[in-house]
C-alpha atoms as a PDB file:
ATOM      1  CA  UNK A   1       0.362  -0.202   0.147  1.00  0.00           C
ATOM      2  CA  UNK A   2       1.067   3.553  -0.474  1.00  0.00           C
ATOM      3  CA  UNK A   3      -0.581   6.004   2.191  1.00  0.00           C
ATOM      4  CA  UNK A   4       1.493   8.823   0.908  1.00  0.00           C
ATOM      5  CA  UNK A   5      -0.173   8.471  -3.327  1.00  0.00           C
ATOM      6  CA  UNK A   6      -3.751  10.007  -2.320  1.00  0.00           C
ATOM      7  CA  UNK A   7      -1.853  13.737  -0.482  1.00  0.00           C
ATOM      8  CA  UNK A   8       0.864  13.575  -3.814  1.00  0.00           C
ATOM      9  CA  UNK A   9      -1.349  13.354  -6.294  1.00  0.00           C
ATOM     10  CA  UNK A  10      -3.302  16.176  -4.566  1.00  0.00           C
ATOM     11  CA  UNK A  11      -0.575  18.400  -4.201  1.00  0.00           C
ATOM     12  CA  UNK A  12       0.503  17.797  -7.918  1.00  0.00           C
ATOM     13  CA  UNK A  13      -3.122  19.323  -8.549  1.00  0.00           C
ATOM     14  CA  UNK A  14      -2.787  22.295  -6.217  1.00  0.00           C
ATOM     15  CA  UNK A  15       0.500  22.342  -8.525  1.00  0.00           C
ATOM     16  CA  UNK A  16      -1.049  21.991 -12.418  1.00  0.00           C
ATOM     17  CA  UNK A  17      -4.265  24.272 -11.492  1.00  0.00           C
ATOM     18  CA  UNK A  18      -1.184  26.887  -9.438  1.00  0.00           C
ATOM     19  CA  UNK A  19       0.691  27.312 -12.604  1.00  0.00           C
ATOM     20  CA  UNK A  20      -2.440  26.864 -14.934  1.00  0.00           C
ATOM     21  CA  UNK A  21      -4.449  30.306 -14.069  1.00  0.00           C
ATOM     22  CA  UNK A  22      -3.093  33.421 -14.936  1.00  0.00           C
ATOM     23  CA  UNK A  23      -1.066  35.188 -12.108  1.00  0.00           C
ATOM     24  CA  UNK A  24      -2.571  38.230 -10.544  1.00  0.00           C
ATOM     25  CA  UNK A  25      -0.371  41.522 -12.412  1.00  0.00           C
ATOM     26  CA  UNK A  26      -0.662  44.432 -12.144  1.00  0.00           C
ATOM     27  CA  UNK A  27      -3.819  45.857 -14.315  1.00  0.00           C
ATOM     28  CA  UNK A  28      -3.309  47.956 -17.059  1.00  0.00           C
ATOM     29  CA  UNK A  29      -5.993  50.858 -17.208  1.00  0.00           C
ATOM     30  CA  UNK A  30      -9.706  49.708 -19.405  1.00  0.00           C
ATOM     31  CA  UNK A  31      -8.593  45.564 -18.365  1.00  0.00           C
ATOM     32  CA  UNK A  32     -12.421  44.344 -17.884  1.00  0.00           C
ATOM     33  CA  UNK A  33     -12.952  43.489 -14.047  1.00  0.00           C
ATOM     34  CA  UNK A  34     -16.262  41.131 -13.955  1.00  0.00           C
ATOM     35  CA  UNK A  35     -17.795  41.735 -10.175  1.00  0.00           C
ATOM     36  CA  UNK A  36     -20.047  38.080  -9.782  1.00  0.00           C
ATOM     37  CA  UNK A  37     -21.401  37.023  -6.338  1.00  0.00           C
ATOM     38  CA  UNK A  38     -24.237  37.872  -3.614  1.00  0.00           C
ATOM     39  CA  UNK A  39     -25.088  41.578  -1.494  1.00  0.00           C
ATOM     40  CA  UNK A  40     -21.845  40.947   0.222  1.00  0.00           C
ATOM     41  CA  UNK A  41     -20.459  42.522  -3.296  1.00  0.00           C
ATOM     42  CA  UNK A  42     -22.841  44.108  -4.538  1.00  0.00           C
ATOM     43  CA  UNK A  43     -23.105  47.263  -2.093  1.00  0.00           C
ATOM     44  CA  UNK A  44     -26.598  45.815   0.185  1.00  0.00           C
ATOM     45  CA  UNK A  45     -26.236  47.721   2.677  1.00  0.00           C
ATOM     46  CA  UNK A  46     -24.362  51.186   1.987  1.00  0.00           C
ATOM     47  CA  UNK A  47     -27.842  52.771   1.495  1.00  0.00           C
ATOM     48  CA  UNK A  48     -27.072  54.232  -2.508  1.00  0.00           C
ATOM     49  CA  UNK A  49     -27.563  51.894  -4.691  1.00  0.00           C
ATOM     50  CA  UNK A  50     -28.202  52.774  -8.764  1.00  0.00           C
ATOM     51  CA  UNK A  51     -31.473  52.462 -10.884  1.00  0.00           C
ATOM     52  CA  UNK A  52     -30.894  49.078 -12.730  1.00  0.00           C
ATOM     53  CA  UNK A  53     -34.915  47.916 -12.332  1.00  0.00           C
ATOM     54  CA  UNK A  54     -34.470  44.705 -10.182  1.00  0.00           C
ATOM     55  CA  UNK A  55     -33.617  44.496  -6.316  1.00  0.00           C
ATOM     56  CA  UNK A  56     -30.376  43.334  -6.679  1.00  0.00           C
ATOM     57  CA  UNK A  57     -29.119  46.776  -4.951  1.00  0.00           C
ATOM     58  CA  UNK A  58     -26.196  47.374  -6.964  1.00  0.00           C
ATOM     59  CA  UNK A  59     -23.858  50.250  -5.471  1.00  0.00           C
ATOM     60  CA  UNK A  60     -21.509  52.467  -6.696  1.00  0.00           C
ATOM     61  CA  UNK A  61     -20.080  52.177  -2.892  1.00  0.00           C
ATOM     62  CA  UNK A  62     -19.319  48.814  -3.056  1.00  0.00           C
ATOM     63  CA  UNK A  63     -15.996  47.368  -2.855  1.00  0.00           C
ATOM     64  CA  UNK A  64     -16.054  46.649  -6.932  1.00  0.00           C
ATOM     65  CA  UNK A  65     -17.146  49.902  -7.863  1.00  0.00           C
ATOM     66  CA  UNK A  66     -14.535  51.514  -5.731  1.00  0.00           C
ATOM     67  CA  UNK A  67     -11.715  48.783  -7.227  1.00  0.00           C
ATOM     68  CA  UNK A  68     -12.726  49.777 -10.655  1.00  0.00           C
ATOM     69  CA  UNK A  69     -12.283  53.435  -9.697  1.00  0.00           C
ATOM     70  CA  UNK A  70      -9.257  53.486  -8.346  1.00  0.00           C
ATOM     71  CA  UNK A  71      -7.585  50.732 -11.150  1.00  0.00           C
ATOM     72  CA  UNK A  72      -9.359  52.428 -13.380  1.00  0.00           C
ATOM     73  CA  UNK A  73     -10.946  49.256 -14.843  1.00  0.00           C
ATOM     74  CA  UNK A  74     -13.989  48.199 -17.412  1.00  0.00           C
ATOM     75  CA  UNK A  75     -16.241  47.353 -14.388  1.00  0.00           C
ATOM     76  CA  UNK A  76     -19.704  45.018 -15.165  1.00  0.00           C
ATOM     77  CA  UNK A  77     -21.270  45.002 -11.008  1.00  0.00           C
ATOM     78  CA  UNK A  78     -23.453  41.684 -12.080  1.00  0.00           C
ATOM     79  CA  UNK A  79     -23.030  40.369  -8.025  1.00  0.00           C
ATOM     80  CA  UNK A  80     -27.199  40.870  -6.623  1.00  0.00           C
ATOM     81  CA  UNK A  81     -28.532  40.522  -3.201  1.00  0.00           C
ATOM     82  CA  UNK A  82     -30.551  37.300  -2.526  1.00  0.00           C
ATOM     83  CA  UNK A  83     -27.685  35.325  -5.300  1.00  0.00           C
ATOM     84  CA  UNK A  84     -26.879  31.520  -4.611  1.00  0.00           C
ATOM     85  CA  UNK A  85     -24.401  28.952  -6.113  1.00  0.00           C
ATOM     86  CA  UNK A  86     -26.962  28.162  -8.926  1.00  0.00           C
ATOM     87  CA  UNK A  87     -28.379  32.666  -9.159  1.00  0.00           C
ATOM     88  CA  UNK A  88     -24.413  33.027  -9.738  1.00  0.00           C
ATOM     89  CA  UNK A  89     -24.551  30.311 -12.646  1.00  0.00           C
ATOM     90  CA  UNK A  90     -27.298  30.918 -14.728  1.00  0.00           C
ATOM     91  CA  UNK A  91     -26.907  34.303 -14.844  1.00  0.00           C
ATOM     92  CA  UNK A  92     -24.033  35.431 -13.989  1.00  0.00           C
ATOM     93  CA  UNK A  93     -21.563  33.693 -15.492  1.00  0.00           C
ATOM     94  CA  UNK A  94     -22.894  34.631 -19.161  1.00  0.00           C
ATOM     95  CA  UNK A  95     -20.566  38.338 -17.957  1.00  0.00           C
ATOM     96  CA  UNK A  96     -17.758  36.334 -19.155  1.00  0.00           C
ATOM     97  CA  UNK A  97     -15.284  35.961 -21.447  1.00  0.00           C
ATOM     98  CA  UNK A  98     -12.045  35.255 -23.206  1.00  0.00           C
ATOM     99  CA  UNK A  99     -11.575  38.840 -22.853  1.00  0.00           C
ATOM    100  CA  UNK A 100     -12.764  39.341 -19.327  1.00  0.00           C
ATOM    101  CA  UNK A 101      -9.556  40.368 -17.142  1.00  0.00           C
ATOM    102  CA  UNK A 102     -10.026  40.018 -14.080  1.00  0.00           C
ATOM    103  CA  UNK A 103     -13.084  38.281 -11.740  1.00  0.00           C
ATOM    104  CA  UNK A 104     -13.937  39.158  -7.814  1.00  0.00           C
ATOM    105  CA  UNK A 105     -16.686  36.712  -6.524  1.00  0.00           C
ATOM    106  CA  UNK A 106     -17.932  36.398  -3.276  1.00  0.00           C
ATOM    107  CA  UNK A 107     -20.819  33.304  -2.550  1.00  0.00           C
ATOM    108  CA  UNK A 108     -21.778  30.541  -0.652  1.00  0.00           C
ATOM    109  CA  UNK A 109     -23.612  32.682   1.983  1.00  0.00           C
ATOM    110  CA  UNK A 110     -27.301  32.554   0.510  1.00  0.00           C
ATOM    111  CA  UNK A 111     -26.665  28.650  -0.272  1.00  0.00           C
ATOM    112  CA  UNK A 112     -26.116  27.658   3.825  1.00  0.00           C
ATOM    113  CA  UNK A 113     -28.859  29.849   4.572  1.00  0.00           C
ATOM    114  CA  UNK A 114     -27.353  32.645   7.281  1.00  0.00           C
ATOM    115  CA  UNK A 115     -30.148  35.093   6.817  1.00  0.00           C
ATOM    116  CA  UNK A 116     -32.433  32.305   8.185  1.00  0.00           C
ATOM    117  CA  UNK A 117     -29.695  31.465  10.803  1.00  0.00           C
ATOM    118  CA  UNK A 118     -29.673  35.042  12.056  1.00  0.00           C
ATOM    119  CA  UNK A 119     -33.861  35.261  11.673  1.00  0.00           C
ATOM    120  CA  UNK A 120     -33.875  32.355  13.991  1.00  0.00           C
ATOM    121  CA  UNK A 121     -30.939  33.430  16.748  1.00  0.00           C
ATOM    122  CA  UNK A 122     -31.942  36.737  16.705  1.00  0.00           C
ATOM    123  CA  UNK A 123     -35.321  35.212  18.449  1.00  0.00           C
ATOM    124  CA  UNK A 124     -34.793  35.479  22.587  1.00  0.00           C
ATOM    125  CA  UNK A 125     -33.539  31.960  23.344  1.00  0.00           C
ATOM    126  CA  UNK A 126     -36.811  30.401  24.785  1.00  0.00           C
ATOM    127  CA  UNK A 127     -38.123  31.017  21.974  1.00  0.00           C
ATOM    128  CA  UNK A 128     -35.552  29.669  19.091  1.00  0.00           C
ATOM    129  CA  UNK A 129     -33.483  26.182  17.954  1.00  0.00           C
ATOM    130  CA  UNK A 130     -30.695  28.764  16.978  1.00  0.00           C
ATOM    131  CA  UNK A 131     -27.728  25.867  18.171  1.00  0.00           C
ATOM    132  CA  UNK A 132     -30.046  23.524  16.281  1.00  0.00           C
ATOM    133  CA  UNK A 133     -30.265  25.999  12.721  1.00  0.00           C
ATOM    134  CA  UNK A 134     -26.270  26.507  13.282  1.00  0.00           C
ATOM    135  CA  UNK A 135     -25.347  22.522  12.955  1.00  0.00           C
ATOM    136  CA  UNK A 136     -27.849  22.660  10.160  1.00  0.00           C
ATOM    137  CA  UNK A 137     -25.532  25.630   8.335  1.00  0.00           C
ATOM    138  CA  UNK A 138     -22.198  24.163   9.318  1.00  0.00           C
ATOM    139  CA  UNK A 139     -23.329  20.605   7.846  1.00  0.00           C
ATOM    140  CA  UNK A 140     -23.994  22.110   4.558  1.00  0.00           C
ATOM    141  CA  UNK A 141     -21.082  24.209   4.189  1.00  0.00           C
ATOM    142  CA  UNK A 142     -19.066  20.425   5.234  1.00  0.00           C
ATOM    143  CA  UNK A 143     -20.410  18.392   3.049  1.00  0.00           C
ATOM    144  CA  UNK A 144     -22.146  19.796   0.245  1.00  0.00           C
ATOM    145  CA  UNK A 145     -21.043  23.297  -0.141  1.00  0.00           C
ATOM    146  CA  UNK A 146     -17.138  22.361  -1.654  1.00  0.00           C
ATOM    147  CA  UNK A 147     -18.552  20.014  -4.593  1.00  0.00           C
ATOM    148  CA  UNK A 148     -21.049  23.247  -6.059  1.00  0.00           C
ATOM    149  CA  UNK A 149     -17.469  25.249  -5.256  1.00  0.00           C
ATOM    150  CA  UNK A 150     -16.035  23.673  -7.074  1.00  0.00           C
ATOM    151  CA  UNK A 151     -18.264  23.185 -10.598  1.00  0.00           C
ATOM    152  CA  UNK A 152     -18.859  26.945 -10.553  1.00  0.00           C
ATOM    153  CA  UNK A 153     -14.817  28.208  -9.997  1.00  0.00           C
ATOM    154  CA  UNK A 154     -14.609  25.358 -13.308  1.00  0.00           C
ATOM    155  CA  UNK A 155     -17.776  26.710 -14.599  1.00  0.00           C
ATOM    156  CA  UNK A 156     -15.542  30.454 -14.282  1.00  0.00           C
ATOM    157  CA  UNK A 157     -12.164  29.270 -15.643  1.00  0.00           C
ATOM    158  CA  UNK A 158     -14.238  27.745 -18.847  1.00  0.00           C
ATOM    159  CA  UNK A 159     -15.134  30.740 -19.568  1.00  0.00           C
ATOM    160  CA  UNK A 160     -12.666  33.237 -18.252  1.00  0.00           C
ATOM    161  CA  UNK A 161      -9.343  31.661 -18.970  1.00  0.00           C
ATOM    162  CA  UNK A 162      -7.552  34.043 -19.433  1.00  0.00           C
ATOM    163  CA  UNK A 163      -8.848  36.015 -16.350  1.00  0.00           C
ATOM    164  CA  UNK A 164      -6.876  36.785 -12.934  1.00  0.00           C
ATOM    165  CA  UNK A 165     -10.189  35.512  -9.788  1.00  0.00           C
ATOM    166  CA  UNK A 166     -10.088  36.522  -6.847  1.00  0.00           C
ATOM    167  CA  UNK A 167     -12.561  34.461  -3.802  1.00  0.00           C
ATOM    168  CA  UNK A 168     -13.725  36.987  -1.476  1.00  0.00           C
ATOM    169  CA  UNK A 169     -14.560  35.968   1.712  1.00  0.00           C
ATOM    170  CA  UNK A 170     -17.040  36.848   4.311  1.00  0.00           C
ATOM    171  CA  UNK A 171     -16.321  39.112   8.082  1.00  0.00           C
ATOM    172  CA  UNK A 172     -17.272  37.668  11.547  1.00  0.00           C
ATOM    173  CA  UNK A 173     -20.454  39.538  12.242  1.00  0.00           C
ATOM    174  CA  UNK A 174     -20.367  39.760  15.824  1.00  0.00           C
ATOM    175  CA  UNK A 175     -17.729  40.751  18.330  1.00  0.00           C
ATOM    176  CA  UNK A 176     -19.682  39.798  21.651  1.00  0.00           C
ATOM    177  CA  UNK A 177     -22.107  42.204  21.895  1.00  0.00           C
ATOM    178  CA  UNK A 178     -25.520  43.261  20.417  1.00  0.00           C
ATOM    179  CA  UNK A 179     -26.701  46.398  21.197  1.00  0.00           C
ATOM    180  CA  UNK A 180     -29.975  46.113  19.214  1.00  0.00           C
ATOM    181  CA  UNK A 181     -33.200  46.411  21.748  1.00  0.00           C
ATOM    182  CA  UNK A 182     -35.159  43.961  19.258  1.00  0.00           C
ATOM    183  CA  UNK A 183     -33.056  41.496  18.630  1.00  0.00           C
ATOM    184  CA  UNK A 184     -31.332  38.847  21.457  1.00  0.00           C
ATOM    185  CA  UNK A 185     -27.987  37.363  19.985  1.00  0.00           C
ATOM    186  CA  UNK A 186     -26.378  36.080  23.468  1.00  0.00           C
ATOM    187  CA  UNK A 187     -23.118  35.521  23.136  1.00  0.00           C
ATOM    188  CA  UNK A 188     -22.533  32.396  23.305  1.00  0.00           C
ATOM    189  CA  UNK A 189     -24.608  32.394  20.101  1.00  0.00           C
ATOM    190  CA  UNK A 190     -22.422  35.203  18.500  1.00  0.00           C
ATOM    191  CA  UNK A 191     -19.296  32.728  19.281  1.00  0.00           C
ATOM    192  CA  UNK A 192     -20.567  29.588  17.036  1.00  0.00           C
ATOM    193  CA  UNK A 193     -21.867  31.840  14.550  1.00  0.00           C
ATOM    194  CA  UNK A 194     -18.974  33.675  13.308  1.00  0.00           C
ATOM    195  CA  UNK A 195     -17.792  29.779  13.998  1.00  0.00           C
ATOM    196  CA  UNK A 196     -20.113  29.327  10.814  1.00  0.00           C
ATOM    197  CA  UNK A 197     -18.655  32.325   9.484  1.00  0.00           C
ATOM    198  CA  UNK A 198     -14.892  30.752   9.948  1.00  0.00           C
ATOM    199  CA  UNK A 199     -16.005  27.553   8.982  1.00  0.00           C
ATOM    200  CA  UNK A 200     -17.522  28.945   5.365  1.00  0.00           C
ATOM    201  CA  UNK A 201     -14.667  31.300   4.912  1.00  0.00           C
ATOM    202  CA  UNK A 202     -12.243  27.843   4.772  1.00  0.00           C
ATOM    203  CA  UNK A 203     -14.304  25.525   2.213  1.00  0.00           C
ATOM    204  CA  UNK A 204     -14.122  29.022   0.193  1.00  0.00           C
ATOM    205  CA  UNK A 205     -10.084  29.142   1.059  1.00  0.00           C
ATOM    206  CA  UNK A 206      -9.999  25.528   0.531  1.00  0.00           C
ATOM    207  CA  UNK A 207     -12.151  25.058  -3.127  1.00  0.00           C
ATOM    208  CA  UNK A 208     -10.139  28.519  -4.253  1.00  0.00           C
ATOM    209  CA  UNK A 209      -6.697  26.923  -3.706  1.00  0.00           C
ATOM    210  CA  UNK A 210      -7.576  23.799  -5.849  1.00  0.00           C
ATOM    211  CA  UNK A 211      -8.420  26.104  -8.846  1.00  0.00           C
ATOM    212  CA  UNK A 212      -5.726  27.947  -8.348  1.00  0.00           C
ATOM    213  CA  UNK A 213      -7.436  31.399  -7.600  1.00  0.00           C
ATOM    214  CA  UNK A 214      -6.709  34.105  -4.811  1.00  0.00           C
ATOM    215  CA  UNK A 215      -8.440  33.987  -1.801  1.00  0.00           C
ATOM    216  CA  UNK A 216      -9.271  37.317   0.355  1.00  0.00           C
ATOM    217  CA  UNK A 217     -10.275  36.702   4.046  1.00  0.00           C
ATOM    218  CA  UNK A 218     -11.603  39.865   5.573  1.00  0.00           C
ATOM    219  CA  UNK A 219     -11.758  38.516   9.183  1.00  0.00           C
ATOM    220  CA  UNK A 220      -8.572  40.496  10.777  1.00  0.00           C
ATOM    221  CA  UNK A 221      -9.514  43.554   8.749  1.00  0.00           C
ATOM    222  CA  UNK A 222     -13.113  43.298  10.194  1.00  0.00           C
ATOM    223  CA  UNK A 223     -12.081  42.451  13.875  1.00  0.00           C
ATOM    224  CA  UNK A 224     -12.943  45.545  15.945  1.00  0.00           C
ATOM    225  CA  UNK A 225     -15.393  46.664  13.447  1.00  0.00           C
ATOM    226  CA  UNK A 226     -18.153  44.129  13.870  1.00  0.00           C
ATOM    227  CA  UNK A 227     -21.822  44.835  14.779  1.00  0.00           C
ATOM    228  CA  UNK A 228     -21.915  47.587  17.891  1.00  0.00           C
ATOM    229  CA  UNK A 229     -18.044  47.914  17.650  1.00  0.00           C
ATOM    230  CA  UNK A 230     -16.814  51.767  17.053  1.00  0.00           C
ATOM    231  CA  UNK A 231     -16.783  52.202  14.575  1.00  0.00           C
ATOM    232  CA  UNK A 232     -18.817  49.714  13.184  1.00  0.00           C
ATOM    233  CA  UNK A 233     -18.325  48.695   9.375  1.00  0.00           C
ATOM    234  CA  UNK A 234     -21.263  46.171   9.998  1.00  0.00           C
ATOM    235  CA  UNK A 235     -24.768  47.140  10.339  1.00  0.00           C
ATOM    236  CA  UNK A 236     -26.748  45.578  13.293  1.00  0.00           C
ATOM    237  CA  UNK A 237     -30.129  45.613  13.151  1.00  0.00           C
ATOM    238  CA  UNK A 238     -31.480  48.222   9.961  1.00  0.00           C
ATOM    239  CA  UNK A 239     -34.377  49.748   8.866  1.00  0.00           C
ATOM    240  CA  UNK A 240     -35.178  49.089   6.061  1.00  0.00           C
ATOM    241  CA  UNK A 241     -35.034  45.409   7.227  1.00  0.00           C
ATOM    242  CA  UNK A 242     -32.620  44.294   3.902  1.00  0.00           C
ATOM    243  CA  UNK A 243     -29.795  46.046   5.279  1.00  0.00           C
ATOM    244  CA  UNK A 244     -29.041  44.176   8.234  1.00  0.00           C
ATOM    245  CA  UNK A 245     -25.940  41.957   8.471  1.00  0.00           C
ATOM    246  CA  UNK A 246     -24.359  43.754   5.458  1.00  0.00           C
ATOM    247  CA  UNK A 247     -20.978  46.010   5.566  1.00  0.00           C
ATOM    248  CA  UNK A 248     -21.955  49.742   4.924  1.00  0.00           C
ATOM    249  CA  UNK A 249     -19.833  52.637   3.684  1.00  0.00           C
ATOM    250  CA  UNK A 250     -17.130  52.116   6.130  1.00  0.00           C
ATOM    251  CA  UNK A 251     -16.983  48.313   5.614  1.00  0.00           C
ATOM    252  CA  UNK A 252     -16.245  48.296   1.657  1.00  0.00           C
ATOM    253  CA  UNK A 253     -14.130  51.225   2.046  1.00  0.00           C
ATOM    254  CA  UNK A 254     -11.563  50.681   4.635  1.00  0.00           C
ATOM    255  CA  UNK A 255     -12.340  46.941   5.179  1.00  0.00           C
ATOM    256  CA  UNK A 256     -12.821  44.839   1.567  1.00  0.00           C
ATOM    257  CA  UNK A 257     -11.449  47.655  -0.796  1.00  0.00           C
ATOM    258  CA  UNK A 258      -7.686  47.868   0.389  1.00  0.00           C
ATOM    259  CA  UNK A 259      -8.176  43.390   0.715  1.00  0.00           C
ATOM    260  CA  UNK A 260      -9.402  43.272  -2.930  1.00  0.00           C
ATOM    261  CA  UNK A 261      -7.812  45.463  -4.368  1.00  0.00           C
ATOM    262  CA  UNK A 262      -4.442  44.283  -4.009  1.00  0.00           C
ATOM    263  CA  UNK A 263      -4.533  40.893  -5.954  1.00  0.00           C
ATOM    264  CA  UNK A 264      -7.558  42.800  -9.062  1.00  0.00           C
ATOM    265  CA  UNK A 265      -4.921  45.911  -9.879  1.00  0.00           C
ATOM    266  CA  UNK A 266      -1.800  44.620  -8.787  1.00  0.00           C
ATOM    267  CA  UNK A 267      -1.412  46.971  -5.403  1.00  0.00           C
ATOM    268  CA  UNK A 268      -2.879  47.689  -2.454  1.00  0.00           C
ATOM    269  CA  UNK A 269      -5.113  50.941  -2.944  1.00  0.00           C
ATOM    270  CA  UNK A 270      -6.551  53.446  -0.296  1.00  0.00           C
ATOM    271  CA  UNK A 271     -10.086  54.593  -0.789  1.00  0.00           C
ATOM    272  CA  UNK A 272      -9.611  58.589  -1.302  1.00  0.00           C
ATOM    273  CA  UNK A 273     -12.328  61.279  -1.835  1.00  0.00           C
ATOM    274  CA  UNK A 274     -11.413  61.155  -5.372  1.00  0.00           C
ATOM    275  CA  UNK A 275     -11.638  57.266  -5.904  1.00  0.00           C
ATOM    276  CA  UNK A 276     -15.733  58.115  -4.329  1.00  0.00           C
ATOM    277  CA  UNK A 277     -16.555  60.267  -7.008  1.00  0.00           C
ATOM    278  CA  UNK A 278     -15.122  58.293  -9.619  1.00  0.00           C
ATOM    279  CA  UNK A 279     -16.852  55.542  -8.400  1.00  0.00           C
ATOM    280  CA  UNK A 280     -20.194  57.683  -8.128  1.00  0.00           C
ATOM    281  CA  UNK A 281     -19.795  59.288 -11.732  1.00  0.00           C
ATOM    282  CA  UNK A 282     -20.772  55.317 -13.175  1.00  0.00           C
ATOM    283  CA  UNK A 283     -23.597  55.220 -11.722  1.00  0.00           C
ATOM    284  CA  UNK A 284     -26.120  55.779 -14.887  1.00  0.00           C
ATOM    285  CA  UNK A 285     -23.484  54.186 -17.520  1.00  0.00           C
ATOM    286  CA  UNK A 286     -23.411  50.731 -14.987  1.00  0.00           C
ATOM    287  CA  UNK A 287     -27.111  51.226 -14.551  1.00  0.00           C
ATOM    288  CA  UNK A 288     -27.995  50.983 -17.874  1.00  0.00           C
ATOM    289  CA  UNK A 289     -25.260  48.159 -18.367  1.00  0.00           C
ATOM    290  CA  UNK A 290     -27.559  46.498 -15.960  1.00  0.00           C
ATOM    291  CA  UNK A 291     -30.933  47.393 -16.846  1.00  0.00           C
ATOM    292  CA  UNK A 292     -30.259  45.367 -20.366  1.00  0.00           C
ATOM    293  CA  UNK A 293     -30.278  41.242 -17.741  1.00  0.00           C
ATOM    294  CA  UNK A 294     -33.331  42.451 -15.197  1.00  0.00           C
ATOM    295  CA  UNK A 295     -35.234  40.120 -16.113  1.00  0.00           C
ATOM    296  CA  UNK A 296     -32.950  37.876 -15.713  1.00  0.00           C
ATOM    297  CA  UNK A 297     -31.924  39.251 -12.811  1.00  0.00           C
ATOM    298  CA  UNK A 298     -34.991  39.551 -11.200  1.00  0.00           C
ATOM    299  CA  UNK A 299     -35.288  35.594 -11.224  1.00  0.00           C
ATOM    300  CA  UNK A 300     -32.864  35.974  -8.155  1.00  0.00           C
ATOM    301  CA  UNK A 301     -35.147  35.508  -4.772  1.00  0.00           C
ATOM    302  CA  UNK A 302     -33.789  38.516  -2.705  1.00  0.00           C
ATOM    303  CA  UNK A 303     -32.340  36.706   0.997  1.00  0.00           C
ATOM    304  CA  UNK A 304     -33.270  38.611   3.864  1.00  0.00           C
ATOM    305  CA  UNK A 305     -33.423  38.534   7.860  1.00  0.00           C
ATOM    306  CA  UNK A 306     -36.944  38.990   9.374  1.00  0.00           C
ATOM    307  CA  UNK A 307     -37.350  40.792  12.883  1.00  0.00           C
ATOM    308  CA  UNK A 308     -38.482  39.297  15.822  1.00  0.00           C
ATOM    309  CA  UNK A 309     -42.154  39.065  16.351  1.00  0.00           C
ATOM    310  CA  UNK A 310     -42.322  38.886  20.378  1.00  0.00           C
ATOM    311  CA  UNK A 311     -45.922  39.113  19.640  1.00  0.00           C
ATOM    312  CA  UNK A 312     -46.460  35.613  16.863  1.00  0.00           C
ATOM    313  CA  UNK A 313     -48.478  33.076  18.400  1.00  0.00           C
ATOM    314  CA  UNK A 314     -45.539  30.756  18.232  1.00  0.00           C
ATOM    315  CA  UNK A 315     -43.028  33.128  20.380  1.00  0.00           C
ATOM    316  CA  UNK A 316     -46.754  33.802  22.974  1.00  0.00           C
ATOM    317  CA  UNK A 317     -46.743  29.451  23.561  1.00  0.00           C
ATOM    318  CA  UNK A 318     -42.931  29.389  24.249  1.00  0.00           C
ATOM    319  CA  UNK A 319     -43.028  32.637  26.998  1.00  0.00           C
ATOM    320  CA  UNK A 320     -45.568  30.304  28.392  1.00  0.00           C
ATOM    321  CA  UNK A 321     -43.808  27.362  28.636  1.00  0.00           C
ATOM    322  CA  UNK A 322     -40.799  28.339  29.441  1.00  0.00           C
ATOM    323  CA  UNK A 323     -42.991  31.051  32.330  1.00  0.00           C
ATOM    324  CA  UNK A 324     -41.589  34.069  30.794  1.00  0.00           C
ATOM    325  CA  UNK A 325     -43.166  37.652  30.576  1.00  0.00           C
ATOM    326  CA  UNK A 326     -43.880  38.229  27.530  1.00  0.00           C
ATOM    327  CA  UNK A 327     -44.288  42.150  28.312  1.00  0.00           C
ATOM    328  CA  UNK A 328     -41.525  42.346  30.403  1.00  0.00           C
ATOM    329  CA  UNK A 329     -38.079  43.009  28.791  1.00  0.00           C
ATOM    330  CA  UNK A 330     -36.115  42.268  31.795  1.00  0.00           C
ATOM    331  CA  UNK A 331     -38.129  39.015  31.945  1.00  0.00           C
ATOM    332  CA  UNK A 332     -37.398  38.421  28.192  1.00  0.00           C
ATOM    333  CA  UNK A 333     -33.838  39.552  28.519  1.00  0.00           C
ATOM    334  CA  UNK A 334     -32.936  37.724  31.769  1.00  0.00           C
ATOM    335  CA  UNK A 335     -35.078  34.007  30.138  1.00  0.00           C
ATOM    336  CA  UNK A 336     -33.169  35.013  26.533  1.00  0.00           C
ATOM    337  CA  UNK A 337     -29.522  34.329  28.504  1.00  0.00           C
ATOM    338  CA  UNK A 338     -30.073  31.142  30.704  1.00  0.00           C
ATOM    339  CA  UNK A 339     -32.136  29.007  28.165  1.00  0.00           C
ATOM    340  CA  UNK A 340     -29.072  30.116  25.348  1.00  0.00           C
ATOM    341  CA  UNK A 341     -26.302  29.729  28.115  1.00  0.00           C
ATOM    342  CA  UNK A 342     -27.785  25.987  29.184  1.00  0.00           C
ATOM    343  CA  UNK A 343     -28.338  25.715  25.127  1.00  0.00           C
ATOM    344  CA  UNK A 344     -25.137  26.385  24.028  1.00  0.00           C
ATOM    345  CA  UNK A 345     -23.991  23.918  26.915  1.00  0.00           C
ATOM    346  CA  UNK A 346     -26.221  21.669  26.300  1.00  0.00           C
ATOM    347  CA  UNK A 347     -24.987  21.664  22.655  1.00  0.00           C
ATOM    348  CA  UNK A 348     -21.312  21.167  24.076  1.00  0.00           C
END
């Protein structure tokens, strides 16, 4: 028997992929750049969107627009709020060609049902199954997601064989504090949600490396800038709610853009006022370009965190079982902390 042979085969495959993949050399003015993916790339959370006839929530303040403006690249912002891997395949890959020079992509969070997990965990612990929701998402990320990513990344290489491709990960949303009055993310739940983000990034990194792509991990950059931090680069519960738990303007400008600009343009770019001016000046042209595909983009289903409803029959029944005074915020919070801590211990 030769137990080392599978490892050797994997190493050879990775080496061949790295050799075959175009290197992220310095971009030239006018190089084509296609930004694929979900809401973390489209710019959901920035509160300023182009008018393209869709619900994609694309923004000139999103990091792809800022990176393109800094590097004088020709951007096609195909990323769309709510997009899954299947959506990217059916609605976005047609933007790629042999003439595509640069590609960035963030996708996978919607496939794992992250909005639904956040919705469940935002409820008081005595009225929810946060641990079960996280368990289900982690199982999907570990077992099903890698194969889907491999297929997607192979399709990107087939359609854009000459492009340097950058896979972009997701930040940890919490740092131990929940300052929003209408959500109940216990510290133990926040820890597990962050672990889920880490697991997702780990699978994205592995799949990207196997494809010969560059992976960008935003975890360190966003540390100290999570929900309720100062300054906050990630929105907490917001109005409108679609803005919730997404990078805000600062998150794209100071968090993502410097990270992604390096492998996309060949040099780390700090976003300046003139960069933002150039990016926003292209809003009408970008809207015109995306409006031409509005029909196909409207097939993408938005994925939005839902507001906790303590008046629902489900919650009132749970409160009665748990002995919680639903009309007392102190009672709701105290019971939440006790239940969440116990659930975390039982899960552990």
